[in-house]
Amino acid sequence: MPDTVNGLPLHPLVVHAVVVLLPLAAIGVAALAVRPSWRGRYGWLVVLIAALATAAIPLATSSGEGLERRVGDPGEHAQLGDTLLWFALPLLAAAVALVWLDRRGARPDGETAGSRRVSGPVAVVIAVLAVVVAVANLVQVYRVGDSGAKAVWGNVPAASAGHGDDD
């Protein structure tokens, strides 16, 4: 995999796929968990977004390792980034499980259950776990991104970066 695209490091470009898709998938999974009627209509879209986000993570970590060879060790950011896949995989599994719940509630004549809830403790446990996993993903994406910003900018706010006291 190349380290740059038109002279720009590949890592910040690839990371944006993760930064956009993984929180979108997490919000989608949480929405499917609390609104069972949306599972039939939006479930496979959420699964697709979660799968794309999950697939983008190894590309981001690989391109990050390439960038690390050029600019040095980003410290905590690299460590946190390596954990993100272990958050995204359960999110993808939760999305699939929620779609499975909807399919399980389909009527024998092929008509979907629509807004009809699949009742039972299994459905409730899956929905609660899906929300927990979604929240954990949002928190971890924030932590990885924050540590990456600190690795690049240090503790200097971006708005004041480059504006020293020598004015």
N, C-alpha and C. Protein backbone atom coordinates (compact mmCIF):
# COMPACT_ATOMS: atom_id res chain seq x y z
N MET A 1 0.85 -1.16 0.00
CA MET A 1 0.00 0.00 0.00
C MET A 1 0.91 1.24 0.00
N PRO A 2 0.61 2.21 -0.86
CA PRO A 2 1.43 3.43 -0.88
C PRO A 2 1.21 4.24 0.40
N ASP A 3 2.25 4.98 0.77
CA ASP A 3 2.17 5.82 1.98
C ASP A 3 1.55 7.18 1.71
N THR A 4 1.56 7.60 0.43
CA THR A 4 1.07 8.94 0.10
C THR A 4 0.17 8.89 -1.13
N VAL A 5 -0.64 9.92 -1.26
CA VAL A 5 -1.47 10.15 -2.44
C VAL A 5 -1.25 11.60 -2.83
N ASN A 6 -0.69 11.82 -4.00
CA ASN A 6 -0.36 13.18 -4.45
C ASN A 6 0.46 13.95 -3.42
N GLY A 7 1.37 13.25 -2.77
CA GLY A 7 2.24 13.88 -1.79
C GLY A 7 1.65 14.01 -0.40
N LEU A 8 0.36 13.71 -0.24
CA LEU A 8 -0.28 13.77 1.08
C LEU A 8 -0.19 12.41 1.75
N PRO A 9 0.04 12.38 3.06
CA PRO A 9 0.04 11.09 3.75
C PRO A 9 -1.32 10.41 3.60
N LEU A 10 -1.30 9.12 3.33
CA LEU A 10 -2.54 8.37 3.12
C LEU A 10 -3.36 8.24 4.41
N HIS A 11 -2.69 8.16 5.55
CA HIS A 11 -3.39 7.89 6.81
C HIS A 11 -4.52 8.88 7.11
N PRO A 12 -4.28 10.20 7.08
CA PRO A 12 -5.40 11.10 7.40
C PRO A 12 -6.55 10.99 6.39
N LEU A 13 -6.25 10.58 5.18
CA LEU A 13 -7.32 10.43 4.18
C LEU A 13 -8.17 9.20 4.49
N VAL A 14 -7.51 8.08 4.81
CA VAL A 14 -8.23 6.82 5.09
C VAL A 14 -8.97 6.91 6.42
N VAL A 15 -8.37 7.59 7.37
CA VAL A 15 -8.98 7.70 8.70
C VAL A 15 -10.36 8.33 8.62
N HIS A 16 -10.57 9.21 7.69
CA HIS A 16 -11.87 9.87 7.59
C HIS A 16 -13.00 8.89 7.26
N ALA A 17 -12.67 7.81 6.56
CA ALA A 17 -13.68 6.78 6.32
C ALA A 17 -14.12 6.17 7.65
N VAL A 18 -13.16 5.89 8.51
CA VAL A 18 -13.49 5.31 9.82
C VAL A 18 -14.22 6.33 10.69
N VAL A 19 -13.73 7.56 10.69
CA VAL A 19 -14.29 8.61 11.55
C VAL A 19 -15.74 8.93 11.18
N VAL A 20 -16.08 8.76 9.92
CA VAL A 20 -17.46 9.02 9.49
C VAL A 20 -18.31 7.76 9.60
N LEU A 21 -17.81 6.64 9.06
CA LEU A 21 -18.65 5.45 8.96
C LEU A 21 -18.89 4.74 10.29
N LEU A 22 -17.87 4.67 11.15
CA LEU A 22 -18.07 3.94 12.40
C LEU A 22 -19.08 4.63 13.33
N PRO A 23 -18.99 5.95 13.55
CA PRO A 23 -20.04 6.58 14.35
C PRO A 23 -21.42 6.49 13.68
N LEU A 24 -21.46 6.59 12.35
CA LEU A 24 -22.73 6.45 11.65
C LEU A 24 -23.31 5.06 11.88
N ALA A 25 -22.47 4.05 11.81
CA ALA A 25 -22.92 2.68 12.08
C ALA A 25 -23.38 2.54 13.53
N ALA A 26 -22.64 3.14 14.45
CA ALA A 26 -23.02 3.05 15.87
C ALA A 26 -24.38 3.70 16.12
N ILE A 27 -24.59 4.86 15.52
CA ILE A 27 -25.88 5.53 15.67
C ILE A 27 -26.98 4.69 15.02
N GLY A 28 -26.67 4.10 13.87
CA GLY A 28 -27.65 3.24 13.19
C GLY A 28 -28.00 2.02 14.02
N VAL A 29 -27.00 1.38 14.62
CA VAL A 29 -27.26 0.21 15.46
C VAL A 29 -28.11 0.60 16.67
N ALA A 30 -27.78 1.71 17.30
CA ALA A 30 -28.58 2.15 18.44
C ALA A 30 -30.02 2.45 18.02
N ALA A 31 -30.18 3.06 16.86
CA ALA A 31 -31.52 3.36 16.36
C ALA A 31 -32.31 2.07 16.09
N LEU A 32 -31.65 1.10 15.48
CA LEU A 32 -32.33 -0.19 15.22
C LEU A 32 -32.69 -0.90 16.52
N ALA A 33 -31.85 -0.71 17.54
CA ALA A 33 -32.12 -1.37 18.82
C ALA A 33 -33.34 -0.78 19.51
N VAL A 34 -33.50 0.53 19.43
CA VAL A 34 -34.61 1.16 20.14
C VAL A 34 -35.86 1.31 19.27
N ARG A 35 -35.72 1.18 17.96
CA ARG A 35 -36.87 1.27 17.04
C ARG A 35 -36.93 0.01 16.18
N PRO A 36 -37.47 -1.07 16.71
CA PRO A 36 -37.53 -2.33 15.97
C PRO A 36 -38.22 -2.21 14.60
N SER A 37 -39.13 -1.27 14.46
CA SER A 37 -39.84 -1.11 13.19
C SER A 37 -38.90 -0.66 12.07
N TRP A 38 -37.73 -0.12 12.40
CA TRP A 38 -36.77 0.34 11.39
C TRP A 38 -35.86 -0.78 10.89
N ARG A 39 -35.85 -1.91 11.58
CA ARG A 39 -34.91 -2.98 11.24
C ARG A 39 -35.12 -3.52 9.84
N GLY A 40 -36.36 -3.72 9.44
CA GLY A 40 -36.63 -4.25 8.11
C GLY A 40 -36.26 -3.27 7.01
N ARG A 41 -36.51 -2.01 7.24
CA ARG A 41 -36.26 -0.98 6.23
C ARG A 41 -34.79 -0.57 6.16
N TYR A 42 -34.14 -0.39 7.32
CA TYR A 42 -32.78 0.17 7.35
C TYR A 42 -31.71 -0.82 7.83
N GLY A 43 -32.12 -1.98 8.27
CA GLY A 43 -31.18 -2.93 8.87
C GLY A 43 -30.00 -3.29 7.99
N TRP A 44 -30.27 -3.66 6.75
CA TRP A 44 -29.17 -4.06 5.87
C TRP A 44 -28.28 -2.89 5.51
N LEU A 45 -28.82 -1.69 5.47
CA LEU A 45 -28.00 -0.50 5.24
C LEU A 45 -27.03 -0.29 6.41
N VAL A 46 -27.52 -0.45 7.62
CA VAL A 46 -26.67 -0.31 8.80
C VAL A 46 -25.60 -1.41 8.81
N VAL A 47 -25.98 -2.63 8.46
CA VAL A 47 -25.00 -3.72 8.37
C VAL A 47 -23.92 -3.37 7.35
N LEU A 48 -24.32 -2.85 6.20
CA LEU A 48 -23.35 -2.47 5.16
C LEU A 48 -22.40 -1.38 5.66
N ILE A 49 -22.94 -0.35 6.30
CA ILE A 49 -22.11 0.73 6.81
C ILE A 49 -21.15 0.21 7.88
N ALA A 50 -21.64 -0.66 8.77
CA ALA A 50 -20.78 -1.24 9.80
C ALA A 50 -19.69 -2.11 9.18
N ALA A 51 -20.02 -2.84 8.13
CA ALA A 51 -19.02 -3.68 7.45
C ALA A 51 -17.96 -2.82 6.76
N LEU A 52 -18.38 -1.75 6.11
CA LEU A 52 -17.42 -0.85 5.46
C LEU A 52 -16.51 -0.19 6.49
N ALA A 53 -17.08 0.25 7.60
CA ALA A 53 -16.28 0.86 8.66
C ALA A 53 -15.27 -0.13 9.22
N THR A 54 -15.73 -1.35 9.46
CA THR A 54 -14.85 -2.39 9.99
C THR A 54 -13.72 -2.70 9.01
N ALA A 55 -14.04 -2.76 7.73
CA ALA A 55 -13.02 -3.02 6.71
C ALA A 55 -12.03 -1.86 6.57
N ALA A 56 -12.46 -0.65 6.85
CA ALA A 56 -11.58 0.51 6.73
C ALA A 56 -10.57 0.59 7.87
N ILE A 57 -10.87 -0.03 8.99
CA ILE A 57 -9.97 0.08 10.15
C ILE A 57 -8.59 -0.52 9.87
N PRO A 58 -8.48 -1.73 9.32
CA PRO A 58 -7.13 -2.23 9.02
C PRO A 58 -6.38 -1.36 8.01
N LEU A 59 -7.10 -0.75 7.09
CA LEU A 59 -6.45 0.17 6.15
C LEU A 59 -5.92 1.39 6.88
N ALA A 60 -6.69 1.89 7.84
CA ALA A 60 -6.25 3.05 8.61
C ALA A 60 -5.05 2.71 9.48
N THR A 61 -5.07 1.56 10.13
CA THR A 61 -3.93 1.20 10.98
C THR A 61 -2.70 0.91 10.14
N SER A 62 -2.88 0.28 9.01
CA SER A 62 -1.74 0.00 8.14
C SER A 62 -1.12 1.29 7.60
N SER A 63 -1.96 2.21 7.15
CA SER A 63 -1.44 3.48 6.66
C SER A 63 -0.85 4.30 7.80
N GLY A 64 -1.37 4.13 9.00
CA GLY A 64 -0.81 4.80 10.17
C GLY A 64 0.59 4.29 10.49
N GLU A 65 0.79 3.00 10.31
CA GLU A 65 2.13 2.44 10.53
C GLU A 65 3.11 3.00 9.50
N GLY A 66 2.64 3.19 8.27
CA GLY A 66 3.49 3.81 7.25
C GLY A 66 3.85 5.24 7.62
N LEU A 67 2.87 5.97 8.12
CA LEU A 67 3.12 7.35 8.54
C LEU A 67 4.05 7.38 9.75
N GLU A 68 3.89 6.42 10.64
CA GLU A 68 4.74 6.34 11.83
C GLU A 68 6.21 6.16 11.44
N ARG A 69 6.48 5.38 10.40
CA ARG A 69 7.85 5.20 9.93
C ARG A 69 8.45 6.51 9.41
N ARG A 70 7.58 7.40 8.91
CA ARG A 70 8.06 8.68 8.38
C ARG A 70 8.23 9.76 9.43
N VAL A 71 7.30 9.83 10.38
CA VAL A 71 7.30 10.97 11.32
C VAL A 71 7.57 10.59 12.77
N GLY A 72 7.57 9.33 13.10
CA GLY A 72 7.83 8.93 14.48
C GLY A 72 6.60 8.34 15.15
N ASP A 73 6.85 7.84 16.34
CA ASP A 73 5.82 7.15 17.12
C ASP A 73 4.77 8.12 17.65
N PRO A 74 3.48 7.87 17.33
CA PRO A 74 2.43 8.74 17.86
C PRO A 74 2.00 8.38 19.28
N GLY A 75 2.68 7.43 19.89
CA GLY A 75 2.40 7.07 21.28
C GLY A 75 1.06 6.40 21.47
N GLU A 76 0.27 6.96 22.36
CA GLU A 76 -1.02 6.38 22.75
C GLU A 76 -1.96 6.22 21.54
N HIS A 77 -1.86 7.10 20.57
CA HIS A 77 -2.75 7.05 19.41
C HIS A 77 -2.64 5.71 18.69
N ALA A 78 -1.42 5.24 18.48
CA ALA A 78 -1.24 3.97 17.79
C ALA A 78 -1.82 2.82 18.61
N GLN A 79 -1.61 2.86 19.91
CA GLN A 79 -2.15 1.80 20.77
C GLN A 79 -3.67 1.79 20.75
N LEU A 80 -4.27 2.96 20.86
CA LEU A 80 -5.73 3.04 20.84
C LEU A 80 -6.28 2.65 19.47
N GLY A 81 -5.60 3.09 18.42
CA GLY A 81 -6.04 2.76 17.07
C GLY A 81 -6.06 1.26 16.83
N ASP A 82 -5.08 0.56 17.40
CA ASP A 82 -5.03 -0.90 17.25
C ASP A 82 -6.19 -1.60 17.94
N THR A 83 -6.82 -0.95 18.92
CA THR A 83 -7.94 -1.58 19.63
C THR A 83 -9.28 -1.37 18.92
N LEU A 84 -9.33 -0.43 17.99
CA LEU A 84 -10.62 -0.04 17.42
C LEU A 84 -11.33 -1.18 16.69
N LEU A 85 -10.56 -2.05 16.06
CA LEU A 85 -11.17 -3.18 15.35
C LEU A 85 -11.97 -4.06 16.32
N TRP A 86 -11.47 -4.17 17.57
CA TRP A 86 -12.14 -5.02 18.55
C TRP A 86 -13.41 -4.38 19.10
N PHE A 87 -13.63 -3.14 18.79
CA PHE A 87 -14.90 -2.48 19.09
C PHE A 87 -15.84 -2.61 17.89
N ALA A 88 -15.29 -2.47 16.68
CA ALA A 88 -16.10 -2.48 15.47
C ALA A 88 -16.68 -3.86 15.17
N LEU A 89 -15.94 -4.92 15.44
CA LEU A 89 -16.45 -6.27 15.16
C LEU A 89 -17.72 -6.59 15.95
N PRO A 90 -17.77 -6.31 17.26
CA PRO A 90 -19.04 -6.53 17.97
C PRO A 90 -20.16 -5.62 17.48
N LEU A 91 -19.81 -4.42 17.01
CA LEU A 91 -20.84 -3.54 16.46
C LEU A 91 -21.44 -4.16 15.20
N LEU A 92 -20.60 -4.69 14.34
CA LEU A 92 -21.07 -5.37 13.13
C LEU A 92 -21.94 -6.58 13.52
N ALA A 93 -21.49 -7.34 14.51
CA ALA A 93 -22.27 -8.48 14.97
C ALA A 93 -23.62 -8.04 15.54
N ALA A 94 -23.64 -6.93 16.25
CA ALA A 94 -24.90 -6.41 16.80
C ALA A 94 -25.85 -6.00 15.68
N ALA A 95 -25.30 -5.36 14.64
CA ALA A 95 -26.15 -4.97 13.50
C ALA A 95 -26.76 -6.20 12.85
N VAL A 96 -25.95 -7.23 12.64
CA VAL A 96 -26.45 -8.48 12.04
C VAL A 96 -27.50 -9.12 12.95
N ALA A 97 -27.24 -9.13 14.25
CA ALA A 97 -28.19 -9.72 15.20
C ALA A 97 -29.54 -9.00 15.18
N LEU A 98 -29.49 -7.67 15.08
CA LEU A 98 -30.75 -6.92 15.04
C LEU A 98 -31.53 -7.21 13.75
N VAL A 99 -30.83 -7.35 12.65
CA VAL A 99 -31.50 -7.72 11.39
C VAL A 99 -32.06 -9.14 11.51
N TRP A 100 -31.31 -10.01 12.14
CA TRP A 100 -31.77 -11.38 12.35
C TRP A 100 -33.05 -11.39 13.19
N LEU A 101 -33.11 -10.52 14.22
CA LEU A 101 -34.33 -10.43 15.02
C LEU A 101 -35.52 -10.05 14.16
N ASP A 102 -35.30 -9.12 13.23
CA ASP A 102 -36.38 -8.70 12.35
C ASP A 102 -36.81 -9.85 11.45
N ARG A 103 -35.84 -10.57 10.92
CA ARG A 103 -36.15 -11.71 10.04
C ARG A 103 -36.87 -12.80 10.83
N ARG A 104 -36.48 -12.97 12.08
CA ARG A 104 -37.12 -13.97 12.93
C ARG A 104 -38.59 -13.62 13.16
N GLY A 105 -38.91 -12.33 13.12
CA GLY A 105 -40.28 -11.88 13.34
C GLY A 105 -41.11 -11.86 12.07
N ALA A 106 -40.53 -12.34 10.94
CA ALA A 106 -41.28 -12.35 9.69
C ALA A 106 -42.40 -13.39 9.76
N ARG A 107 -43.48 -13.11 9.09
CA ARG A 107 -44.62 -14.03 9.08
C ARG A 107 -44.37 -15.15 8.07
N PRO A 108 -45.00 -16.30 8.26
CA PRO A 108 -44.78 -17.43 7.36
C PRO A 108 -45.13 -17.13 5.90
N ASP A 109 -46.04 -16.20 5.65
CA ASP A 109 -46.43 -15.92 4.27
C ASP A 109 -45.43 -14.99 3.58
N GLY A 110 -44.31 -14.70 4.25
CA GLY A 110 -43.29 -13.86 3.66
C GLY A 110 -43.42 -12.38 3.98
N GLU A 111 -44.55 -11.99 4.51
CA GLU A 111 -44.76 -10.59 4.86
C GLU A 111 -43.95 -10.29 6.11
N THR A 112 -43.26 -9.15 6.12
CA THR A 112 -42.45 -8.82 7.29
C THR A 112 -43.34 -8.36 8.43
N ALA A 113 -42.78 -8.44 9.60
CA ALA A 113 -43.53 -8.09 10.80
C ALA A 113 -43.76 -6.59 10.91
N GLY A 114 -42.95 -5.80 10.19
CA GLY A 114 -43.12 -4.34 10.23
C GLY A 114 -42.84 -3.81 11.62
N SER A 115 -43.83 -3.16 12.20
CA SER A 115 -43.61 -2.54 13.50
C SER A 115 -43.82 -3.53 14.64
N ARG A 116 -44.21 -4.76 14.32
CA ARG A 116 -44.44 -5.76 15.37
C ARG A 116 -43.12 -6.16 16.01
N ARG A 117 -43.03 -6.06 17.32
CA ARG A 117 -41.81 -6.39 18.04
C ARG A 117 -41.65 -7.90 18.16
N VAL A 118 -40.39 -8.33 18.05
CA VAL A 118 -40.08 -9.71 18.40
C VAL A 118 -39.93 -9.71 19.91
N SER A 119 -40.82 -10.40 20.58
CA SER A 119 -40.82 -10.34 22.03
C SER A 119 -39.88 -11.39 22.60
N GLY A 120 -39.61 -11.25 23.84
CA GLY A 120 -38.79 -12.24 24.53
C GLY A 120 -37.53 -11.64 25.10
N PRO A 121 -37.00 -12.32 26.09
CA PRO A 121 -35.80 -11.81 26.75
C PRO A 121 -34.58 -11.77 25.82
N VAL A 122 -34.50 -12.66 24.85
CA VAL A 122 -33.36 -12.65 23.93
C VAL A 122 -33.34 -11.35 23.12
N ALA A 123 -34.50 -10.94 22.65
CA ALA A 123 -34.58 -9.70 21.87
C ALA A 123 -34.18 -8.49 22.72
N VAL A 124 -34.61 -8.48 23.96
CA VAL A 124 -34.29 -7.36 24.85
C VAL A 124 -32.79 -7.34 25.14
N VAL A 125 -32.22 -8.49 25.42
CA VAL A 125 -30.78 -8.58 25.71
C VAL A 125 -29.97 -8.14 24.50
N ILE A 126 -30.34 -8.58 23.31
CA ILE A 126 -29.62 -8.19 22.10
C ILE A 126 -29.72 -6.68 21.89
N ALA A 127 -30.89 -6.12 22.09
CA ALA A 127 -31.07 -4.67 21.90
C ALA A 127 -30.25 -3.88 22.91
N VAL A 128 -30.25 -4.30 24.17
CA VAL A 128 -29.48 -3.60 25.20
C VAL A 128 -27.98 -3.71 24.90
N LEU A 129 -27.52 -4.90 24.57
CA LEU A 129 -26.10 -5.08 24.23
C LEU A 129 -25.72 -4.26 23.00
N ALA A 130 -26.62 -4.17 22.03
CA ALA A 130 -26.35 -3.37 20.83
C ALA A 130 -26.14 -1.91 21.19
N VAL A 131 -26.96 -1.38 22.08
CA VAL A 131 -26.81 0.02 22.49
C VAL A 131 -25.50 0.21 23.26
N VAL A 132 -25.17 -0.72 24.14
CA VAL A 132 -23.92 -0.63 24.89
C VAL A 132 -22.72 -0.66 23.94
N VAL A 133 -22.74 -1.56 22.98
CA VAL A 133 -21.64 -1.66 22.01
C VAL A 133 -21.57 -0.40 21.15
N ALA A 134 -22.71 0.14 20.78
CA ALA A 134 -22.72 1.37 19.98
C ALA A 134 -22.10 2.53 20.76
N VAL A 135 -22.48 2.68 22.02
CA VAL A 135 -21.92 3.75 22.84
C VAL A 135 -20.42 3.55 23.03
N ALA A 136 -20.00 2.32 23.26
CA ALA A 136 -18.57 2.03 23.41
C ALA A 136 -17.80 2.40 22.15
N ASN A 137 -18.37 2.16 20.98
CA ASN A 137 -17.73 2.54 19.73
C ASN A 137 -17.60 4.04 19.60
N LEU A 138 -18.64 4.77 19.96
CA LEU A 138 -18.57 6.23 19.89
C LEU A 138 -17.49 6.77 20.81
N VAL A 139 -17.41 6.23 22.00
CA VAL A 139 -16.40 6.67 22.96
C VAL A 139 -15.00 6.34 22.44
N GLN A 140 -14.82 5.13 21.90
CA GLN A 140 -13.49 4.73 21.45
C GLN A 140 -13.06 5.52 20.21
N VAL A 141 -13.97 5.80 19.29
CA VAL A 141 -13.61 6.63 18.14
C VAL A 141 -13.17 8.01 18.62
N TYR A 142 -13.86 8.55 19.59
CA TYR A 142 -13.47 9.84 20.15
C TYR A 142 -12.07 9.75 20.77
N ARG A 143 -11.82 8.72 21.55
CA ARG A 143 -10.53 8.57 22.22
C ARG A 143 -9.39 8.45 21.21
N VAL A 144 -9.60 7.64 20.17
CA VAL A 144 -8.57 7.47 19.14
C VAL A 144 -8.33 8.79 18.42
N GLY A 145 -9.40 9.45 18.03
CA GLY A 145 -9.26 10.72 17.32
C GLY A 145 -8.63 11.80 18.17
N ASP A 146 -9.01 11.87 19.44
CA ASP A 146 -8.44 12.86 20.34
C ASP A 146 -6.95 12.62 20.53
N SER A 147 -6.56 11.38 20.71
CA SER A 147 -5.14 11.08 20.89
C SER A 147 -4.37 11.36 19.60
N GLY A 148 -5.00 11.15 18.44
CA GLY A 148 -4.35 11.48 17.17
C GLY A 148 -4.16 12.97 17.01
N ALA A 149 -5.16 13.74 17.39
CA ALA A 149 -5.05 15.19 17.31
C ALA A 149 -3.95 15.69 18.25
N LYS A 150 -3.88 15.11 19.44
CA LYS A 150 -2.83 15.50 20.39
C LYS A 150 -1.45 15.09 19.88
N ALA A 151 -1.37 13.95 19.18
CA ALA A 151 -0.09 13.52 18.62
C ALA A 151 0.38 14.50 17.55
N VAL A 152 -0.56 15.08 16.81
CA VAL A 152 -0.20 16.03 15.75
C VAL A 152 -0.01 17.43 16.32
N TRP A 153 -0.95 17.88 17.12
CA TRP A 153 -0.96 19.27 17.57
C TRP A 153 -0.39 19.46 18.97
N GLY A 154 -0.19 18.38 19.71
CA GLY A 154 0.22 18.52 21.10
C GLY A 154 -0.95 19.03 21.91
N ASN A 155 -0.70 19.82 22.90
CA ASN A 155 -1.78 20.38 23.71
C ASN A 155 -2.16 21.79 23.27
N VAL A 156 -1.72 22.16 22.07
CA VAL A 156 -2.01 23.48 21.54
C VAL A 156 -3.33 23.42 20.79
N PRO A 157 -4.30 24.27 21.12
CA PRO A 157 -5.55 24.29 20.34
C PRO A 157 -5.25 24.61 18.88
N ALA A 158 -5.94 23.94 17.97
CA ALA A 158 -5.69 24.12 16.54
C ALA A 158 -5.85 25.58 16.11
N ALA A 159 -6.75 26.31 16.74
CA ALA A 159 -6.99 27.70 16.34
C ALA A 159 -5.78 28.59 16.61
N SER A 160 -4.94 28.22 17.61
CA SER A 160 -3.80 29.05 17.91
C SER A 160 -2.49 28.46 17.41
N ALA A 161 -2.54 27.28 16.78
CA ALA A 161 -1.33 26.66 16.27
C ALA A 161 -0.71 27.53 15.19
N GLY A 162 0.59 27.73 15.30
CA GLY A 162 1.28 28.53 14.30
C GLY A 162 1.27 30.02 14.61
N HIS A 163 0.58 30.42 15.66
CA HIS A 163 0.52 31.83 16.06
C HIS A 163 1.27 31.97 17.37
N GLY A 164 2.57 32.10 17.28
CA GLY A 164 3.40 32.20 18.48
C GLY A 164 3.25 33.53 19.18
N ASP A 165 4.00 33.68 20.26
CA ASP A 165 3.95 34.92 21.05
C ASP A 165 4.87 35.99 20.49
N ASP A 166 5.49 35.76 19.34
CA ASP A 166 6.45 36.73 18.80
C ASP A 166 5.79 37.73 17.88
N ASP A 167 4.52 38.01 18.05
CA ASP A 167 3.82 39.01 17.22
C ASP A 167 4.19 40.41 17.65
